[in-house]
Amino acid sequence: FFSVLMLCLPGFFVHAQAGKHIVVIDPAHGGEDSGVIGVSKVAEKDLTLAIATALKKELDKEGNLEVVLTRNSDKAPSLDDRKKSIAKMNPALVLSLHTNAGFGKNSSGFELYYPGFKGLEASPKGTKANQANAGQYLNDTVKLARLVQKNLDGLFPRKGRGLREAVVPLAEGLVVPVLTVELGFTTNPDEKKKLTSEKTQTEIAKALARSIKAFF
């Protein structure tokens, strides 16, 4: 489900080298928070970490990116700690990875969530600059979403469930582009089989990497 995630590296803080963009990849859940439990008891937290790790490997090949995972093991710092650390880094974008669950075995496909105007209302109101930037960050989030949608459509034809405006807990209080991707339904046996495949995980990582590289 699209829900509050937990992260792992409390106080992580990165200064980007000159000419590099900071990209934060957030593998949902971790530790005691397993997230969605799908077919054969596969846990969301394990799939998101595997795909995030593969995505970092792809993006690390780029000379203009500094890639940070919010967790690189089965741990779960608090949502507040995660947001504080992201705020200190001021990344160019944040991509939060999830898997989904349906009320039956037939639900399938990927979904994208962004905070939209609801997110703007929750953004810091301390300065006019923050407010001006908030609109640009919303545009950047939608730009990233369109790229992700295009590249995942290429990997999973006719499986896109659309881009949806929703409350994104990770984005609340932050003035940075934050996009949540629900990569598929682990309660669907066919999608669970794909999402647990190392080959498919690598293909997803490459599709997401293409999206992020095109964003810049």
Protein backbone atom coordinates (compact mmCIF):
# COMPACT_ATOMS: atom_id res chain seq x y z
CA PHE A 1 0.00 0.00 0.00
CA PHE A 2 0.99 3.63 -0.38
CA SER A 3 1.83 4.38 3.23
CA VAL A 4 4.32 6.04 5.54
CA LEU A 5 7.78 4.60 4.93
CA MET A 6 10.61 4.29 7.38
CA LEU A 7 14.27 4.86 6.69
CA CYS A 8 17.57 3.69 7.77
CA LEU A 9 20.41 6.16 7.87
CA PRO A 10 19.65 8.71 10.61
CA GLY A 11 21.53 11.92 10.08
CA PHE A 12 22.93 10.93 6.68
CA PHE A 13 24.19 14.11 5.05
CA VAL A 14 25.86 14.56 1.71
CA HIS A 15 27.50 17.57 0.12
CA ALA A 16 27.41 17.17 -3.65
CA GLN A 17 30.69 17.64 -5.42
CA ALA A 18 30.87 20.60 -7.77
CA GLY A 19 28.67 20.05 -10.82
CA LYS A 20 26.83 17.07 -9.32
CA HIS A 21 23.12 16.73 -8.55
CA ILE A 22 22.09 14.94 -5.36
CA VAL A 23 19.48 12.23 -5.98
CA VAL A 24 17.80 10.51 -3.02
CA ILE A 25 16.34 7.03 -3.56
CA ASP A 26 14.01 5.89 -0.79
CA PRO A 27 13.37 2.11 -0.48
CA ALA A 28 10.07 1.95 1.41
CA HIS A 29 9.78 0.39 4.86
CA GLY A 30 12.50 -1.68 6.59
CA GLY A 31 13.21 -3.33 9.93
CA GLU A 32 10.03 -4.33 11.76
CA ASP A 33 8.01 -2.44 9.17
CA SER A 34 7.72 -5.04 6.40
CA GLY A 35 5.23 -3.08 4.31
CA VAL A 36 2.96 -5.12 2.07
CA ILE A 37 3.20 -8.91 2.44
CA GLY A 38 2.43 -10.53 -0.88
CA VAL A 39 2.19 -14.00 -2.38
CA SER A 40 4.54 -16.52 -0.73
CA LYS A 41 5.04 -13.99 2.09
CA VAL A 42 7.34 -11.80 0.03
CA ALA A 43 7.87 -8.50 1.89
CA GLU A 44 7.70 -5.08 0.28
CA LYS A 45 10.73 -3.90 2.26
CA ASP A 46 12.96 -6.53 0.60
CA LEU A 47 11.83 -5.76 -2.95
CA THR A 48 12.17 -1.99 -2.60
CA LEU A 49 15.67 -2.33 -1.18
CA ALA A 50 16.76 -4.71 -3.94
CA ILE A 51 15.47 -2.41 -6.69
CA ALA A 52 16.84 0.73 -5.01
CA THR A 53 20.28 -0.89 -4.73
CA ALA A 54 20.19 -1.85 -8.42
CA LEU A 55 19.07 1.68 -9.30
CA LYS A 56 21.93 3.23 -7.36
CA LYS A 57 24.34 0.95 -9.19
CA GLU A 58 22.98 2.22 -12.51
CA LEU A 59 23.07 5.89 -11.52
CA ASP A 60 26.55 5.64 -10.02
CA LYS A 61 27.80 5.21 -13.59
CA GLU A 62 26.86 8.85 -14.26
CA GLY A 63 29.49 11.47 -13.55
CA ASN A 64 27.03 14.24 -12.71
CA LEU A 65 25.02 12.50 -9.97
CA GLU A 66 25.55 11.92 -6.24
CA VAL A 67 23.17 9.11 -5.27
CA VAL A 68 22.05 8.49 -1.68
CA LEU A 69 19.84 5.66 -0.40
CA THR A 70 17.73 6.39 2.66
CA ARG A 71 18.55 2.87 3.78
CA ASN A 72 21.03 0.31 2.50
CA SER A 73 20.09 -2.50 4.90
CA ASP A 74 17.09 -3.86 6.79
CA LYS A 75 16.78 -0.91 9.20
CA ALA A 76 14.14 1.76 9.69
CA PRO A 77 14.84 5.24 11.10
CA SER A 78 11.84 7.48 11.68
CA LEU A 79 10.02 9.47 9.04
CA ASP A 80 11.00 12.71 10.82
CA ASP A 81 14.69 11.78 10.82
CA ARG A 82 14.50 10.95 7.15
CA LYS A 83 12.85 14.25 6.27
CA LYS A 84 15.33 16.26 8.34
CA SER A 85 18.22 14.59 6.56
CA ILE A 86 16.69 15.18 3.14
CA ALA A 87 16.08 18.84 4.00
CA LYS A 88 19.76 19.25 4.95
CA MET A 89 20.89 17.72 1.66
CA ASN A 90 18.46 19.75 -0.47
CA PRO A 91 18.51 17.12 -3.25
CA ALA A 92 17.50 17.73 -6.84
CA LEU A 93 14.85 15.02 -6.48
CA VAL A 94 13.58 12.23 -4.23
CA LEU A 95 12.23 8.97 -5.66
CA SER A 96 10.38 6.77 -3.18
CA LEU A 97 9.91 3.11 -4.15
CA HIS A 98 6.97 0.95 -3.03
CA THR A 99 5.09 -2.18 -4.06
CA ASN A 100 1.32 -2.42 -3.94
CA ALA A 101 -1.42 -4.78 -2.76
CA GLY A 102 -4.96 -5.32 -4.01
CA PHE A 103 -8.16 -6.76 -2.61
CA GLY A 104 -7.84 -9.71 -4.96
CA LYS A 105 -5.28 -11.49 -7.08
CA ASN A 106 -6.16 -9.65 -10.28
CA SER A 107 -5.06 -6.12 -9.36
CA SER A 108 -1.98 -5.23 -11.39
CA GLY A 109 0.15 -2.41 -12.75
CA PHE A 110 2.23 0.49 -11.52
CA GLU A 111 1.07 3.82 -10.07
CA LEU A 112 2.73 7.20 -9.51
CA TYR A 113 1.89 9.60 -6.68
CA TYR A 114 2.90 13.22 -6.21
CA PRO A 115 1.91 15.74 -3.52
CA GLY A 116 0.43 18.27 -5.93
CA PHE A 117 -1.23 21.39 -4.59
CA LYS A 118 -1.93 19.62 -1.31
CA GLY A 119 1.84 19.40 -0.95
CA LEU A 120 2.24 23.11 -1.61
CA GLU A 121 -0.13 23.89 1.25
CA ALA A 122 2.08 21.83 3.59
CA SER A 123 5.32 23.43 2.37
CA PRO A 124 7.34 25.83 4.55
CA LYS A 125 5.91 29.34 4.48
CA GLY A 126 8.88 31.14 5.99
CA THR A 127 10.06 32.98 2.89
CA LYS A 128 8.72 34.18 -0.44
CA ALA A 129 11.53 32.23 -2.07
CA ASN A 130 10.20 28.99 -0.59
CA GLN A 131 6.76 29.70 -1.96
CA ALA A 132 8.09 30.59 -5.39
CA ASN A 133 10.27 27.48 -5.43
CA ALA A 134 7.37 25.26 -4.37
CA GLY A 135 5.60 25.79 -7.68
CA GLN A 136 8.77 24.95 -9.60
CA TYR A 137 9.29 21.80 -7.53
CA LEU A 138 5.74 20.73 -8.30
CA ASN A 139 6.45 21.18 -12.01
CA ASP A 140 9.69 19.22 -11.64
CA THR A 141 7.86 16.39 -9.87
CA VAL A 142 5.32 16.12 -12.68
CA LYS A 143 8.16 16.25 -15.25
CA LEU A 144 9.90 13.34 -13.49
CA ALA A 145 6.60 11.45 -13.20
CA ARG A 146 5.99 11.70 -16.95
CA LEU A 147 9.47 10.33 -17.66
CA VAL A 148 9.04 7.44 -15.21
CA GLN A 149 5.63 6.67 -16.68
CA LYS A 150 7.03 6.58 -20.21
CA ASN A 151 9.93 4.29 -19.32
CA LEU A 152 7.87 1.91 -17.18
CA ASP A 153 5.25 1.78 -19.94
CA GLY A 154 8.01 0.52 -22.20
CA LEU A 155 8.82 -2.23 -19.70
CA PHE A 156 5.23 -3.06 -18.68
CA PRO A 157 2.99 -2.23 -21.68
CA ARG A 158 -0.62 -1.31 -20.81
CA LYS A 159 0.12 -1.71 -17.11
CA GLY A 160 0.22 1.98 -16.14
CA ARG A 161 -2.49 2.97 -13.67
CA GLY A 162 -1.79 6.68 -13.97
CA LEU A 163 -0.32 9.65 -12.15
CA ARG A 164 -2.28 10.60 -9.05
CA GLU A 165 -2.22 13.56 -6.72
CA ALA A 166 -2.22 12.42 -3.10
CA VAL A 167 -0.86 13.23 0.33
CA VAL A 168 2.78 12.06 0.36
CA PRO A 169 4.02 11.91 3.99
CA LEU A 170 7.66 12.01 2.95
CA ALA A 171 7.09 15.29 1.06
CA GLU A 172 5.29 17.16 3.84
CA GLY A 173 7.32 20.18 4.97
CA LEU A 174 9.93 19.68 2.24
CA VAL A 175 10.44 21.95 -0.74
CA VAL A 176 12.02 19.41 -3.10
CA PRO A 177 10.52 17.25 -5.87
CA VAL A 178 9.24 14.00 -4.30
CA LEU A 179 7.72 11.23 -6.43
CA THR A 180 6.36 7.94 -5.11
CA VAL A 181 6.31 4.91 -7.42
CA GLU A 182 4.19 1.84 -6.67
CA LEU A 183 6.02 -0.69 -8.83
CA GLY A 184 3.39 -3.45 -8.94
CA PHE A 185 1.12 -5.72 -6.90
CA THR A 186 2.84 -8.46 -4.93
CA THR A 187 -0.62 -9.89 -4.18
CA ASN A 188 -0.85 -10.73 -7.89
CA PRO A 189 1.05 -14.03 -8.47
CA ASP A 190 2.32 -13.01 -11.91
CA GLU A 191 3.55 -9.60 -10.77
CA LYS A 192 5.06 -11.06 -7.61
CA LYS A 193 7.03 -13.48 -9.79
CA LYS A 194 8.34 -10.60 -11.90
CA LEU A 195 9.15 -8.31 -8.98
CA THR A 196 11.15 -11.04 -7.22
CA SER A 197 13.12 -11.81 -10.39
CA GLU A 198 16.62 -10.33 -10.37
CA LYS A 199 16.33 -9.84 -14.14
CA THR A 200 13.14 -7.80 -13.80
CA GLN A 201 14.54 -5.84 -10.86
CA THR A 202 17.50 -4.86 -13.04
CA GLU A 203 15.17 -3.88 -15.89
CA ILE A 204 13.10 -1.71 -13.53
CA ALA A 205 16.27 -0.11 -12.20
CA LYS A 206 17.42 0.68 -15.74
CA ALA A 207 14.03 2.16 -16.65
CA LEU A 208 14.07 4.38 -13.56
CA ALA A 209 17.69 5.35 -14.23
CA ARG A 210 16.79 6.40 -17.78
CA SER A 211 14.02 8.56 -16.35
CA ILE A 212 16.30 10.29 -13.86
CA LYS A 213 19.05 10.87 -16.43
CA ALA A 214 16.50 12.35 -18.85
CA PHE A 215 15.22 14.62 -16.06
CA PHE A 216 18.61 16.37 -15.96
